Amino acid sequence: MAYTTEQKQSLQNLKDRAESTYKLNSFTEGHLQEAQAATVTMYFNSAYDLAERAMKLALEGYTLNPSSAHTLYGGNMGTIAHFFKPQAIQDAELKVIFATLEANFKAETAKAEAEAKAAEEARILAEATAAVDAELNAERMARIQAEAEKRQQQIIERVKAAGRK
């Protein structure tokens, strides 16, 4: 489907907003595993847990999100930390998000165009119907007028014939 310049810009705006939302959002590990967000929020029970899992995450390509607040809680030094997913995972997830977004946009655009086409066809049909109705009404009125004149002429002729008798 070829998009107009305006449609291309609308689609790009949708993609930009989706990417921004993806990069700003986060989800908690263990919940919403299918969540589409660049940042994963993780809970660590101790400094040892944090160190051990952070090393594993680093080897998998996760990086600490420096813009997120990391929180220490409780007496046992539990920690909440936020990690960016590996770039390859982010790119793959954004690709899926964009594909879904474009498919939905394409469907909505096609639906809107079909509705506009149907509305235009209905408008054209209404105009054509009105023109034909006006034409038929004019023909009908002309026939009525012609019949009235014919009968008027018959009356005049009868009156003249009656007057000659």
C-alpha atoms as a PDB file:
ATOM      1  CA  MET A   1       0.000   0.000   0.000  1.00  0.00           C
ATOM      2  CA  ALA A   2       1.399   3.378  -0.954  1.00  0.00           C
ATOM      3  CA  TYR A   3       0.981   5.944   1.767  1.00  0.00           C
ATOM      4  CA  THR A   4       0.474   9.640   1.261  1.00  0.00           C
ATOM      5  CA  THR A   5       3.062  11.980   2.755  1.00  0.00           C
ATOM      6  CA  GLU A   6       0.666  12.740   5.599  1.00  0.00           C
ATOM      7  CA  GLN A   7       0.091   9.035   6.269  1.00  0.00           C
ATOM      8  CA  LYS A   8       3.842   8.363   6.224  1.00  0.00           C
ATOM      9  CA  GLN A   9       4.344  11.144   8.764  1.00  0.00           C
ATOM     10  CA  SER A  10       1.506   9.805  10.958  1.00  0.00           C
ATOM     11  CA  LEU A  11       3.002   6.313  10.870  1.00  0.00           C
ATOM     12  CA  GLN A  12       6.452   7.667  11.718  1.00  0.00           C
ATOM     13  CA  ASN A  13       4.971   9.639  14.637  1.00  0.00           C
ATOM     14  CA  LEU A  14       3.325   6.456  15.923  1.00  0.00           C
ATOM     15  CA  LYS A  15       6.617   4.576  15.642  1.00  0.00           C
ATOM     16  CA  ASP A  16       8.502   7.370  17.406  1.00  0.00           C
ATOM     17  CA  ARG A  17       5.998   7.390  20.290  1.00  0.00           C
ATOM     18  CA  ALA A  18       6.089   3.587  20.534  1.00  0.00           C
ATOM     19  CA  GLU A  19       9.890   3.574  20.637  1.00  0.00           C
ATOM     20  CA  SER A  20       9.962   6.311  23.249  1.00  0.00           C
ATOM     21  CA  THR A  21       7.410   4.455  25.379  1.00  0.00           C
ATOM     22  CA  TYR A  22       9.373   1.218  24.971  1.00  0.00           C
ATOM     23  CA  LYS A  23      12.598   2.850  26.090  1.00  0.00           C
ATOM     24  CA  LEU A  24      11.038   4.691  29.045  1.00  0.00           C
ATOM     25  CA  ASN A  25       8.953   1.831  30.421  1.00  0.00           C
ATOM     26  CA  SER A  26      10.105  -1.036  32.563  1.00  0.00           C
ATOM     27  CA  PHE A  27       8.628  -4.224  33.929  1.00  0.00           C
ATOM     28  CA  THR A  28       9.354  -6.329  36.948  1.00  0.00           C
ATOM     29  CA  GLU A  29      11.201  -9.561  36.400  1.00  0.00           C
ATOM     30  CA  GLY A  30       8.956 -12.542  37.034  1.00  0.00           C
ATOM     31  CA  HIS A  31       5.843 -10.540  36.176  1.00  0.00           C
ATOM     32  CA  LEU A  32       4.666  -9.685  32.720  1.00  0.00           C
ATOM     33  CA  GLN A  33       7.390 -11.727  31.057  1.00  0.00           C
ATOM     34  CA  GLU A  34       6.025 -10.712  27.686  1.00  0.00           C
ATOM     35  CA  ALA A  35       6.161  -7.020  28.553  1.00  0.00           C
ATOM     36  CA  GLN A  36       7.705  -4.888  25.881  1.00  0.00           C
ATOM     37  CA  ALA A  37      10.020  -2.478  27.611  1.00  0.00           C
ATOM     38  CA  ALA A  38      13.747  -1.820  27.421  1.00  0.00           C
ATOM     39  CA  THR A  39      14.267  -1.866  31.177  1.00  0.00           C
ATOM     40  CA  VAL A  40      13.776  -4.792  33.548  1.00  0.00           C
ATOM     41  CA  THR A  41      13.341  -4.079  37.246  1.00  0.00           C
ATOM     42  CA  MET A  42      14.851  -6.790  39.427  1.00  0.00           C
ATOM     43  CA  TYR A  43      14.747  -7.494  43.145  1.00  0.00           C
ATOM     44  CA  PHE A  44      17.830  -8.838  44.857  1.00  0.00           C
ATOM     45  CA  ASN A  45      17.701 -10.299  48.367  1.00  0.00           C
ATOM     46  CA  SER A  46      21.266  -9.464  49.309  1.00  0.00           C
ATOM     47  CA  ALA A  47      24.449  -7.860  48.095  1.00  0.00           C
ATOM     48  CA  TYR A  48      25.721 -11.341  47.175  1.00  0.00           C
ATOM     49  CA  ASP A  49      22.559 -12.018  45.127  1.00  0.00           C
ATOM     50  CA  LEU A  50      22.990  -8.671  43.392  1.00  0.00           C
ATOM     51  CA  ALA A  51      26.659  -9.316  42.594  1.00  0.00           C
ATOM     52  CA  GLU A  52      26.066 -12.874  41.382  1.00  0.00           C
ATOM     53  CA  ARG A  53      23.074 -12.113  39.187  1.00  0.00           C
ATOM     54  CA  ALA A  54      24.497  -8.808  37.920  1.00  0.00           C
ATOM     55  CA  MET A  55      27.555 -10.689  36.653  1.00  0.00           C
ATOM     56  CA  LYS A  56      25.361 -13.228  34.846  1.00  0.00           C
ATOM     57  CA  LEU A  57      23.226 -10.439  33.413  1.00  0.00           C
ATOM     58  CA  ALA A  58      26.320  -8.564  32.241  1.00  0.00           C
ATOM     59  CA  LEU A  59      27.532 -11.683  30.441  1.00  0.00           C
ATOM     60  CA  GLU A  60      24.130 -11.902  28.703  1.00  0.00           C
ATOM     61  CA  GLY A  61      24.467  -8.283  27.563  1.00  0.00           C
ATOM     62  CA  TYR A  62      22.314  -6.533  30.151  1.00  0.00           C
ATOM     63  CA  THR A  63      23.567  -3.153  31.352  1.00  0.00           C
ATOM     64  CA  LEU A  64      22.701  -1.190  34.454  1.00  0.00           C
ATOM     65  CA  ASN A  65      20.220   1.586  33.754  1.00  0.00           C
ATOM     66  CA  PRO A  66      21.948   4.603  35.297  1.00  0.00           C
ATOM     67  CA  SER A  67      18.907   6.860  35.002  1.00  0.00           C
ATOM     68  CA  SER A  68      16.767   4.660  37.262  1.00  0.00           C
ATOM     69  CA  ALA A  69      16.854   4.912  41.023  1.00  0.00           C
ATOM     70  CA  HIS A  70      18.298   1.842  42.716  1.00  0.00           C
ATOM     71  CA  THR A  71      16.768   1.205  46.094  1.00  0.00           C
ATOM     72  CA  LEU A  72      18.032  -0.511  49.191  1.00  0.00           C
ATOM     73  CA  TYR A  73      15.271  -1.854  51.379  1.00  0.00           C
ATOM     74  CA  GLY A  74      14.879  -3.783  54.593  1.00  0.00           C
ATOM     75  CA  GLY A  75      17.354  -4.769  57.247  1.00  0.00           C
ATOM     76  CA  ASN A  76      19.034  -7.426  55.116  1.00  0.00           C
ATOM     77  CA  MET A  77      20.121  -4.926  52.450  1.00  0.00           C
ATOM     78  CA  GLY A  78      17.777  -6.113  49.711  1.00  0.00           C
ATOM     79  CA  THR A  79      18.117  -4.116  46.517  1.00  0.00           C
ATOM     80  CA  ILE A  80      15.970  -3.121  43.583  1.00  0.00           C
ATOM     81  CA  ALA A  81      17.946  -2.435  40.416  1.00  0.00           C
ATOM     82  CA  HIS A  82      17.027  -1.650  36.836  1.00  0.00           C
ATOM     83  CA  PHE A  83      18.799  -3.168  33.836  1.00  0.00           C
ATOM     84  CA  PHE A  84      18.576  -2.457  30.132  1.00  0.00           C
ATOM     85  CA  LYS A  85      17.936  -5.523  28.029  1.00  0.00           C
ATOM     86  CA  PRO A  86      20.716  -6.368  25.547  1.00  0.00           C
ATOM     87  CA  GLN A  87      20.561  -4.165  22.447  1.00  0.00           C
ATOM     88  CA  ALA A  88      19.881  -7.163  20.175  1.00  0.00           C
ATOM     89  CA  ILE A  89      16.790  -8.037  22.244  1.00  0.00           C
ATOM     90  CA  GLN A  90      15.636  -4.407  22.227  1.00  0.00           C
ATOM     91  CA  ASP A  91      16.093  -4.221  18.454  1.00  0.00           C
ATOM     92  CA  ALA A  92      14.152  -7.472  17.933  1.00  0.00           C
ATOM     93  CA  GLU A  93      11.326  -6.349  20.228  1.00  0.00           C
ATOM     94  CA  LEU A  94      11.131  -2.936  18.559  1.00  0.00           C
ATOM     95  CA  LYS A  95      11.018  -4.653  15.162  1.00  0.00           C
ATOM     96  CA  VAL A  96       7.984  -6.673  16.307  1.00  0.00           C
ATOM     97  CA  ILE A  97       6.369  -3.562  17.825  1.00  0.00           C
ATOM     98  CA  PHE A  98       6.885  -1.617  14.593  1.00  0.00           C
ATOM     99  CA  ALA A  99       5.587  -4.468  12.425  1.00  0.00           C
ATOM    100  CA  THR A 100       2.443  -4.758  14.566  1.00  0.00           C
ATOM    101  CA  LEU A 101       2.004  -0.999  14.572  1.00  0.00           C
ATOM    102  CA  GLU A 102       2.360  -0.793  10.803  1.00  0.00           C
ATOM    103  CA  ALA A 103      -0.035  -3.708  10.231  1.00  0.00           C
ATOM    104  CA  ASN A 104      -2.641  -2.026  12.452  1.00  0.00           C
ATOM    105  CA  PHE A 105      -2.030   1.335  10.757  1.00  0.00           C
ATOM    106  CA  LYS A 106      -2.387  -0.279   7.333  1.00  0.00           C
ATOM    107  CA  ALA A 107      -5.659  -1.956   8.362  1.00  0.00           C
ATOM    108  CA  GLU A 108      -7.043   1.256   9.875  1.00  0.00           C
ATOM    109  CA  THR A 109      -5.973   3.259   6.808  1.00  0.00           C
ATOM    110  CA  ALA A 110      -7.567   0.723   4.454  1.00  0.00           C
ATOM    111  CA  LYS A 111     -10.753   0.758   6.545  1.00  0.00           C
ATOM    112  CA  ALA A 112     -10.864   4.570   6.551  1.00  0.00           C
ATOM    113  CA  GLU A 113     -10.283   4.659   2.794  1.00  0.00           C
ATOM    114  CA  ALA A 114     -13.016   2.059   2.227  1.00  0.00           C
ATOM    115  CA  GLU A 115     -15.420   4.066   4.405  1.00  0.00           C
ATOM    116  CA  ALA A 116     -14.529   7.271   2.538  1.00  0.00           C
ATOM    117  CA  LYS A 117     -15.026   5.496  -0.794  1.00  0.00           C
ATOM    118  CA  ALA A 118     -18.396   4.106   0.346  1.00  0.00           C
ATOM    119  CA  ALA A 119     -19.465   7.557   1.558  1.00  0.00           C
ATOM    120  CA  GLU A 120     -18.430   9.118  -1.761  1.00  0.00           C
ATOM    121  CA  GLU A 121     -20.289   6.415  -3.697  1.00  0.00           C
ATOM    122  CA  ALA A 122     -23.381   7.006  -1.541  1.00  0.00           C
ATOM    123  CA  ARG A 123     -23.118  10.771  -2.140  1.00  0.00           C
ATOM    124  CA  ILE A 124     -22.794  10.232  -5.911  1.00  0.00           C
ATOM    125  CA  LEU A 125     -25.746   7.823  -5.890  1.00  0.00           C
ATOM    126  CA  ALA A 126     -27.837  10.297  -3.913  1.00  0.00           C
ATOM    127  CA  GLU A 127     -26.976  13.104  -6.348  1.00  0.00           C
ATOM    128  CA  ALA A 128     -27.734  10.881  -9.363  1.00  0.00           C
ATOM    129  CA  THR A 129     -30.985   9.719  -7.796  1.00  0.00           C
ATOM    130  CA  ALA A 130     -32.004  13.315  -7.064  1.00  0.00           C
ATOM    131  CA  ALA A 131     -31.153  14.357 -10.641  1.00  0.00           C
ATOM    132  CA  VAL A 132     -33.137  11.451 -12.124  1.00  0.00           C
ATOM    133  CA  ASP A 133     -36.040  12.135  -9.731  1.00  0.00           C
ATOM    134  CA  ALA A 134     -36.034  15.810 -10.755  1.00  0.00           C
ATOM    135  CA  GLU A 135     -35.920  14.810 -14.408  1.00  0.00           C
ATOM    136  CA  LEU A 136     -38.774  12.332 -13.982  1.00  0.00           C
ATOM    137  CA  ASN A 137     -40.765  14.875 -12.000  1.00  0.00           C
ATOM    138  CA  ALA A 138     -40.221  17.472 -14.743  1.00  0.00           C
ATOM    139  CA  GLU A 139     -41.338  14.948 -17.384  1.00  0.00           C
ATOM    140  CA  ARG A 140     -44.373  14.029 -15.241  1.00  0.00           C
ATOM    141  CA  MET A 141     -45.289  17.691 -14.766  1.00  0.00           C
ATOM    142  CA  ALA A 142     -44.884  18.281 -18.498  1.00  0.00           C
ATOM    143  CA  ARG A 143     -47.198  15.334 -19.251  1.00  0.00           C
ATOM    144  CA  ILE A 144     -49.709  16.582 -16.665  1.00  0.00           C
ATOM    145  CA  GLN A 145     -49.570  20.073 -18.188  1.00  0.00           C
ATOM    146  CA  ALA A 146     -49.937  18.637 -21.691  1.00  0.00           C
ATOM    147  CA  GLU A 147     -52.917  16.498 -20.579  1.00  0.00           C
ATOM    148  CA  ALA A 148     -54.482  19.487 -18.807  1.00  0.00           C
ATOM    149  CA  GLU A 149     -54.081  21.650 -21.930  1.00  0.00           C
ATOM    150  CA  LYS A 150     -55.496  18.847 -24.092  1.00  0.00           C
ATOM    151  CA  ARG A 151     -58.547  18.534 -21.840  1.00  0.00           C
ATOM    152  CA  GLN A 152     -58.924  22.302 -21.665  1.00  0.00           C
ATOM    153  CA  GLN A 153     -58.927  22.330 -25.457  1.00  0.00           C
ATOM    154  CA  GLN A 154     -61.572  19.556 -25.493  1.00  0.00           C
ATOM    155  CA  ILE A 155     -63.765  21.593 -23.126  1.00  0.00           C
ATOM    156  CA  ILE A 156     -63.414  24.677 -25.286  1.00  0.00           C
ATOM    157  CA  GLU A 157     -64.331  22.667 -28.387  1.00  0.00           C
ATOM    158  CA  ARG A 158     -67.358  21.113 -26.655  1.00  0.00           C
ATOM    159  CA  VAL A 159     -68.520  24.505 -25.452  1.00  0.00           C
ATOM    160  CA  LYS A 160     -68.179  25.891 -28.990  1.00  0.00           C
ATOM    161  CA  ALA A 161     -69.994  22.861 -30.431  1.00  0.00           C
ATOM    162  CA  ALA A 162     -72.786  23.207 -27.871  1.00  0.00           C
ATOM    163  CA  GLY A 163     -73.076  26.930 -28.686  1.00  0.00           C
ATOM    164  CA  ARG A 164     -73.519  26.220 -32.413  1.00  0.00           C
ATOM    165  CA  LYS A 165     -76.435  23.966 -31.898  1.00  0.00           C
END
